[in-house]
Amino acid sequence: MDRLRQISQQLNPLKEWPDFKAGDTVKVSYKIKEGSKERTQVFQGTVIQRKGEGPTETFTVRKMASGVGVERVFPLGSPFLEAVEIMKAGKVRRARIYYLRGLTGKSARIKEKRSFRAAK
């Protein structure tokens, strides 16, 4: 199995992405091909989960659009994934926060992680 991973990493070298996890609010730039044209679509929302490892790792982002929940799964090894920018670091206790699907409004908010600053 390790040999298979080595070969897949040689064929598809992974880009370096920022360290994000479930609960973080991210902005994902994804390249979309429509015929002969290409455009970049930005999808901003909360990371619900990260799944898998290596070139097959995926993450799911959820946002509310006109009162309807929209979820999108992005593969980290995809050549169409252009950028992942962390907007806010969330503070959650679970790795998969599916309970957000049943919440709306203020109850669906996630607390922001406080950054540690060294005292001067």
N, C-alpha and C. Protein backbone atom coordinates (compact mmCIF):
# COMPACT_ATOMS: atom_id res chain seq x y z
N MET A 1 0.82 -1.20 0.00
CA MET A 1 0.00 0.00 0.00
C MET A 1 0.87 1.26 0.00
N ASP A 2 1.99 1.21 0.71
CA ASP A 2 2.88 2.37 0.75
C ASP A 2 3.47 2.65 -0.62
N ARG A 3 3.77 1.62 -1.35
CA ARG A 3 4.32 1.78 -2.70
C ARG A 3 3.30 2.48 -3.62
N LEU A 4 2.05 2.11 -3.45
CA LEU A 4 0.98 2.72 -4.24
C LEU A 4 0.86 4.22 -3.93
N ARG A 5 0.98 4.58 -2.64
CA ARG A 5 0.94 5.98 -2.26
C ARG A 5 2.11 6.76 -2.84
N GLN A 6 3.29 6.17 -2.83
CA GLN A 6 4.48 6.84 -3.38
C GLN A 6 4.30 7.13 -4.86
N ILE A 7 3.78 6.17 -5.60
CA ILE A 7 3.58 6.35 -7.04
C ILE A 7 2.53 7.42 -7.30
N SER A 8 1.44 7.41 -6.52
CA SER A 8 0.39 8.41 -6.74
C SER A 8 0.88 9.81 -6.38
N GLN A 9 1.76 9.94 -5.39
CA GLN A 9 2.31 11.25 -5.04
C GLN A 9 3.28 11.75 -6.11
N GLN A 10 3.99 10.85 -6.76
CA GLN A 10 4.88 11.25 -7.84
C GLN A 10 4.08 11.72 -9.05
N LEU A 11 2.98 11.06 -9.33
CA LEU A 11 2.16 11.43 -10.48
C LEU A 11 1.35 12.70 -10.23
N ASN A 12 0.82 12.84 -9.03
CA ASN A 12 0.01 14.01 -8.67
C ASN A 12 0.61 14.68 -7.44
N PRO A 13 1.59 15.56 -7.62
CA PRO A 13 2.13 16.23 -6.44
C PRO A 13 1.08 17.18 -5.85
N LEU A 14 0.90 17.09 -4.54
CA LEU A 14 -0.10 17.91 -3.86
C LEU A 14 0.44 19.32 -3.63
N LYS A 15 -0.43 20.30 -3.79
CA LYS A 15 -0.09 21.67 -3.46
C LYS A 15 -0.12 21.83 -1.95
N GLU A 16 0.54 22.85 -1.46
CA GLU A 16 0.49 23.15 -0.04
C GLU A 16 -0.71 24.05 0.23
N TRP A 17 -1.61 23.61 1.09
CA TRP A 17 -2.79 24.37 1.44
C TRP A 17 -2.67 24.84 2.88
N PRO A 18 -3.35 25.92 3.25
CA PRO A 18 -3.31 26.36 4.65
C PRO A 18 -3.93 25.30 5.56
N ASP A 19 -3.56 25.33 6.80
CA ASP A 19 -4.04 24.35 7.77
C ASP A 19 -5.41 24.79 8.28
N PHE A 20 -6.47 24.20 7.75
CA PHE A 20 -7.83 24.52 8.18
C PHE A 20 -8.52 23.25 8.62
N LYS A 21 -9.57 23.42 9.43
CA LYS A 21 -10.29 22.27 9.93
C LYS A 21 -11.78 22.59 10.02
N ALA A 22 -12.55 21.66 10.53
CA ALA A 22 -13.99 21.86 10.64
C ALA A 22 -14.29 23.05 11.54
N GLY A 23 -15.25 23.87 11.12
CA GLY A 23 -15.63 25.05 11.87
C GLY A 23 -15.03 26.33 11.32
N ASP A 24 -13.98 26.22 10.52
CA ASP A 24 -13.36 27.40 9.95
C ASP A 24 -14.19 27.92 8.78
N THR A 25 -14.21 29.23 8.61
CA THR A 25 -14.86 29.84 7.46
C THR A 25 -13.79 30.08 6.42
N VAL A 26 -13.99 29.51 5.23
CA VAL A 26 -12.98 29.60 4.17
C VAL A 26 -13.58 30.17 2.89
N LYS A 27 -12.70 30.70 2.06
CA LYS A 27 -13.07 31.17 0.73
C LYS A 27 -12.30 30.30 -0.25
N VAL A 28 -13.02 29.53 -1.06
CA VAL A 28 -12.42 28.58 -2.00
C VAL A 28 -12.56 29.11 -3.41
N SER A 29 -11.45 29.22 -4.13
CA SER A 29 -11.47 29.63 -5.54
C SER A 29 -11.31 28.38 -6.38
N TYR A 30 -12.28 28.13 -7.26
CA TYR A 30 -12.34 26.90 -8.03
C TYR A 30 -12.48 27.25 -9.51
N LYS A 31 -11.64 26.65 -10.33
CA LYS A 31 -11.65 26.92 -11.77
C LYS A 31 -12.73 26.07 -12.44
N ILE A 32 -13.57 26.72 -13.25
CA ILE A 32 -14.66 26.02 -13.94
C ILE A 32 -14.46 26.17 -15.44
N LYS A 33 -14.54 25.04 -16.14
CA LYS A 33 -14.45 25.06 -17.60
C LYS A 33 -15.85 24.96 -18.18
N GLU A 34 -16.17 25.91 -19.07
CA GLU A 34 -17.45 25.88 -19.78
C GLU A 34 -17.13 25.98 -21.26
N GLY A 35 -17.12 24.85 -21.91
CA GLY A 35 -16.74 24.83 -23.32
C GLY A 35 -15.26 25.12 -23.45
N SER A 36 -14.93 26.16 -24.19
CA SER A 36 -13.52 26.53 -24.35
C SER A 36 -13.11 27.64 -23.37
N LYS A 37 -14.07 28.14 -22.61
CA LYS A 37 -13.79 29.23 -21.67
C LYS A 37 -13.51 28.68 -20.27
N GLU A 38 -12.71 29.43 -19.51
CA GLU A 38 -12.45 29.11 -18.12
C GLU A 38 -12.76 30.33 -17.27
N ARG A 39 -13.31 30.08 -16.08
CA ARG A 39 -13.55 31.16 -15.14
C ARG A 39 -13.33 30.64 -13.74
N THR A 40 -13.11 31.56 -12.82
CA THR A 40 -12.89 31.20 -11.43
C THR A 40 -14.14 31.54 -10.62
N GLN A 41 -14.62 30.55 -9.89
CA GLN A 41 -15.79 30.75 -9.05
C GLN A 41 -15.34 30.71 -7.59
N VAL A 42 -15.82 31.65 -6.80
CA VAL A 42 -15.47 31.71 -5.38
C VAL A 42 -16.65 31.20 -4.57
N PHE A 43 -16.37 30.28 -3.65
CA PHE A 43 -17.39 29.69 -2.79
C PHE A 43 -16.94 29.92 -1.35
N GLN A 44 -17.70 30.70 -0.59
CA GLN A 44 -17.32 31.00 0.79
C GLN A 44 -18.33 30.39 1.74
N GLY A 45 -17.83 29.68 2.74
CA GLY A 45 -18.71 29.07 3.72
C GLY A 45 -17.93 28.43 4.84
N THR A 46 -18.62 27.62 5.62
CA THR A 46 -18.04 26.96 6.79
C THR A 46 -17.65 25.54 6.43
N VAL A 47 -16.46 25.14 6.84
CA VAL A 47 -16.00 23.77 6.60
C VAL A 47 -16.74 22.85 7.56
N ILE A 48 -17.43 21.85 7.00
CA ILE A 48 -18.19 20.91 7.81
C ILE A 48 -17.33 19.70 8.16
N GLN A 49 -16.50 19.27 7.21
CA GLN A 49 -15.68 18.09 7.46
C GLN A 49 -14.48 18.07 6.54
N ARG A 50 -13.46 17.32 6.95
CA ARG A 50 -12.34 16.93 6.09
C ARG A 50 -12.31 15.42 6.13
N LYS A 51 -12.11 14.80 4.99
CA LYS A 51 -12.22 13.36 4.89
C LYS A 51 -11.11 12.80 4.00
N GLY A 52 -10.55 11.68 4.36
CA GLY A 52 -9.54 11.03 3.54
C GLY A 52 -8.15 11.54 3.86
N GLU A 53 -7.19 11.11 3.03
CA GLU A 53 -5.81 11.54 3.21
C GLU A 53 -5.08 11.47 1.88
N GLY A 54 -4.02 12.25 1.78
CA GLY A 54 -3.21 12.25 0.57
C GLY A 54 -3.95 12.88 -0.60
N PRO A 55 -3.74 12.34 -1.80
CA PRO A 55 -4.34 12.94 -2.99
C PRO A 55 -5.86 12.78 -3.08
N THR A 56 -6.43 11.88 -2.27
CA THR A 56 -7.88 11.68 -2.32
C THR A 56 -8.61 12.43 -1.21
N GLU A 57 -7.92 13.29 -0.49
CA GLU A 57 -8.56 14.02 0.61
C GLU A 57 -9.56 15.03 0.07
N THR A 58 -10.70 15.13 0.76
CA THR A 58 -11.74 16.08 0.37
C THR A 58 -12.17 16.89 1.59
N PHE A 59 -12.80 18.03 1.34
CA PHE A 59 -13.41 18.80 2.41
C PHE A 59 -14.74 19.34 1.91
N THR A 60 -15.69 19.46 2.82
CA THR A 60 -17.04 19.91 2.50
C THR A 60 -17.26 21.29 3.09
N VAL A 61 -17.77 22.20 2.26
CA VAL A 61 -18.04 23.58 2.68
C VAL A 61 -19.54 23.83 2.55
N ARG A 62 -20.12 24.47 3.57
CA ARG A 62 -21.56 24.75 3.58
C ARG A 62 -21.78 26.25 3.72
N LYS A 63 -22.72 26.77 2.94
CA LYS A 63 -23.12 28.17 3.08
C LYS A 63 -24.62 28.26 2.91
N MET A 64 -25.17 29.37 3.35
CA MET A 64 -26.60 29.62 3.18
C MET A 64 -26.76 30.59 2.01
N ALA A 65 -27.57 30.22 1.03
CA ALA A 65 -27.83 31.06 -0.14
C ALA A 65 -29.34 31.25 -0.26
N SER A 66 -29.80 32.44 -0.03
CA SER A 66 -31.23 32.78 -0.09
C SER A 66 -32.07 31.89 0.82
N GLY A 67 -31.56 31.60 2.01
CA GLY A 67 -32.29 30.80 2.97
C GLY A 67 -32.21 29.31 2.74
N VAL A 68 -31.45 28.88 1.74
CA VAL A 68 -31.29 27.46 1.43
C VAL A 68 -29.84 27.07 1.68
N GLY A 69 -29.64 25.96 2.37
CA GLY A 69 -28.28 25.49 2.64
C GLY A 69 -27.68 24.86 1.40
N VAL A 70 -26.46 25.26 1.06
CA VAL A 70 -25.76 24.73 -0.10
C VAL A 70 -24.44 24.13 0.38
N GLU A 71 -24.20 22.87 0.03
CA GLU A 71 -22.95 22.22 0.40
C GLU A 71 -22.21 21.83 -0.86
N ARG A 72 -20.89 21.93 -0.80
CA ARG A 72 -20.07 21.56 -1.94
C ARG A 72 -18.84 20.82 -1.43
N VAL A 73 -18.50 19.74 -2.10
CA VAL A 73 -17.34 18.92 -1.74
C VAL A 73 -16.20 19.25 -2.68
N PHE A 74 -15.04 19.59 -2.12
CA PHE A 74 -13.87 19.93 -2.91
C PHE A 74 -12.77 18.90 -2.66
N PRO A 75 -12.21 18.29 -3.71
CA PRO A 75 -11.05 17.41 -3.53
C PRO A 75 -9.77 18.24 -3.45
N LEU A 76 -8.94 18.00 -2.43
CA LEU A 76 -7.71 18.77 -2.27
C LEU A 76 -6.70 18.48 -3.37
N GLY A 77 -6.77 17.32 -3.99
CA GLY A 77 -5.82 16.97 -5.04
C GLY A 77 -6.25 17.43 -6.42
N SER A 78 -7.34 18.15 -6.53
CA SER A 78 -7.86 18.56 -7.83
C SER A 78 -6.99 19.66 -8.45
N PRO A 79 -6.70 19.57 -9.74
CA PRO A 79 -5.96 20.64 -10.40
C PRO A 79 -6.81 21.89 -10.61
N PHE A 80 -8.13 21.79 -10.45
CA PHE A 80 -9.03 22.93 -10.62
C PHE A 80 -9.12 23.79 -9.37
N LEU A 81 -8.65 23.29 -8.25
CA LEU A 81 -8.66 24.04 -7.00
C LEU A 81 -7.52 25.05 -7.04
N GLU A 82 -7.86 26.35 -7.04
CA GLU A 82 -6.84 27.38 -7.17
C GLU A 82 -6.35 27.90 -5.83
N ALA A 83 -7.27 28.25 -4.93
CA ALA A 83 -6.85 28.84 -3.66
C ALA A 83 -7.86 28.52 -2.57
N VAL A 84 -7.34 28.39 -1.36
CA VAL A 84 -8.17 28.23 -0.16
C VAL A 84 -7.67 29.28 0.83
N GLU A 85 -8.56 30.22 1.17
CA GLU A 85 -8.19 31.31 2.07
C GLU A 85 -9.03 31.20 3.34
N ILE A 86 -8.38 31.21 4.49
CA ILE A 86 -9.09 31.12 5.76
C ILE A 86 -9.54 32.52 6.16
N MET A 87 -10.85 32.69 6.31
CA MET A 87 -11.42 33.98 6.70
C MET A 87 -11.50 34.08 8.23
N LYS A 88 -12.03 33.04 8.88
CA LYS A 88 -12.15 33.00 10.35
C LYS A 88 -11.85 31.59 10.82
N ALA A 89 -11.19 31.50 11.96
CA ALA A 89 -10.95 30.19 12.58
C ALA A 89 -12.05 29.95 13.60
N GLY A 90 -12.80 28.87 13.42
CA GLY A 90 -13.91 28.57 14.31
C GLY A 90 -13.50 27.67 15.45
N LYS A 91 -14.27 27.74 16.53
CA LYS A 91 -14.00 26.92 17.71
C LYS A 91 -15.13 25.91 17.85
N VAL A 92 -14.86 24.66 17.47
CA VAL A 92 -15.83 23.58 17.59
C VAL A 92 -15.15 22.39 18.25
N ARG A 93 -15.96 21.49 18.78
CA ARG A 93 -15.41 20.34 19.50
C ARG A 93 -15.45 19.06 18.67
N ARG A 94 -16.01 19.12 17.49
CA ARG A 94 -16.16 17.92 16.68
C ARG A 94 -15.44 18.05 15.35
N ALA A 95 -15.08 16.91 14.77
CA ALA A 95 -14.39 16.90 13.49
C ALA A 95 -15.38 16.98 12.33
N ARG A 96 -16.61 16.54 12.55
CA ARG A 96 -17.63 16.60 11.52
C ARG A 96 -18.86 17.28 12.14
N ILE A 97 -19.17 18.47 11.67
CA ILE A 97 -20.22 19.25 12.31
C ILE A 97 -21.50 19.24 11.47
N TYR A 98 -22.05 18.03 11.30
CA TYR A 98 -23.27 17.86 10.53
C TYR A 98 -24.48 18.49 11.22
N TYR A 99 -24.37 18.75 12.51
CA TYR A 99 -25.52 19.32 13.23
C TYR A 99 -25.87 20.71 12.71
N LEU A 100 -24.97 21.36 11.96
CA LEU A 100 -25.28 22.67 11.38
C LEU A 100 -26.41 22.59 10.36
N ARG A 101 -26.60 21.42 9.78
CA ARG A 101 -27.64 21.26 8.76
C ARG A 101 -29.03 21.51 9.34
N GLY A 102 -29.23 21.22 10.60
CA GLY A 102 -30.54 21.39 11.22
C GLY A 102 -30.73 22.74 11.88
N LEU A 103 -29.71 23.59 11.85
CA LEU A 103 -29.79 24.89 12.52
C LEU A 103 -29.90 26.02 11.52
N THR A 104 -30.62 27.07 11.90
CA THR A 104 -30.72 28.26 11.05
C THR A 104 -30.58 29.50 11.92
N GLY A 105 -30.25 30.59 11.30
CA GLY A 105 -30.18 31.87 12.00
C GLY A 105 -29.03 31.95 12.98
N LYS A 106 -29.31 32.59 14.13
CA LYS A 106 -28.25 32.81 15.12
C LYS A 106 -27.72 31.52 15.72
N SER A 107 -28.56 30.50 15.81
CA SER A 107 -28.11 29.24 16.41
C SER A 107 -27.09 28.52 15.54
N ALA A 108 -27.00 28.90 14.27
CA ALA A 108 -26.05 28.25 13.36
C ALA A 108 -24.68 28.92 13.37
N ARG A 109 -24.53 29.94 14.22
CA ARG A 109 -23.24 30.62 14.30
C ARG A 109 -22.21 29.75 15.02
N ILE A 110 -20.94 29.95 14.66
CA ILE A 110 -19.85 29.24 15.30
C ILE A 110 -18.97 30.27 15.98
N LYS A 111 -18.58 29.99 17.22
CA LYS A 111 -17.72 30.92 17.94
C LYS A 111 -16.37 31.00 17.24
N GLU A 112 -15.80 32.20 17.28
CA GLU A 112 -14.50 32.41 16.65
C GLU A 112 -13.41 32.11 17.66
N LYS A 113 -12.38 31.42 17.18
CA LYS A 113 -11.26 31.09 18.04
C LYS A 113 -10.46 32.35 18.34
N ARG A 114 -10.18 32.56 19.60
CA ARG A 114 -9.40 33.74 20.00
C ARG A 114 -7.93 33.47 19.73
N SER A 115 -7.27 34.43 19.12
CA SER A 115 -5.85 34.24 18.84
C SER A 115 -5.04 34.59 20.08
N PHE A 116 -3.99 33.85 20.29
CA PHE A 116 -3.12 34.08 21.44
C PHE A 116 -2.08 35.11 21.10
N ARG A 117 -1.99 36.15 21.93
CA ARG A 117 -1.00 37.19 21.70
C ARG A 117 -0.04 37.21 22.89
N ALA A 118 1.23 37.30 22.60
CA ALA A 118 2.23 37.34 23.67
C ALA A 118 2.15 38.67 24.40
N ALA A 119 2.22 38.61 25.70
CA ALA A 119 2.16 39.84 26.51
C ALA A 119 3.47 40.59 26.39
N LYS A 120 3.38 41.90 26.29
CA LYS A 120 4.59 42.72 26.14
C LYS A 120 5.00 43.29 27.47
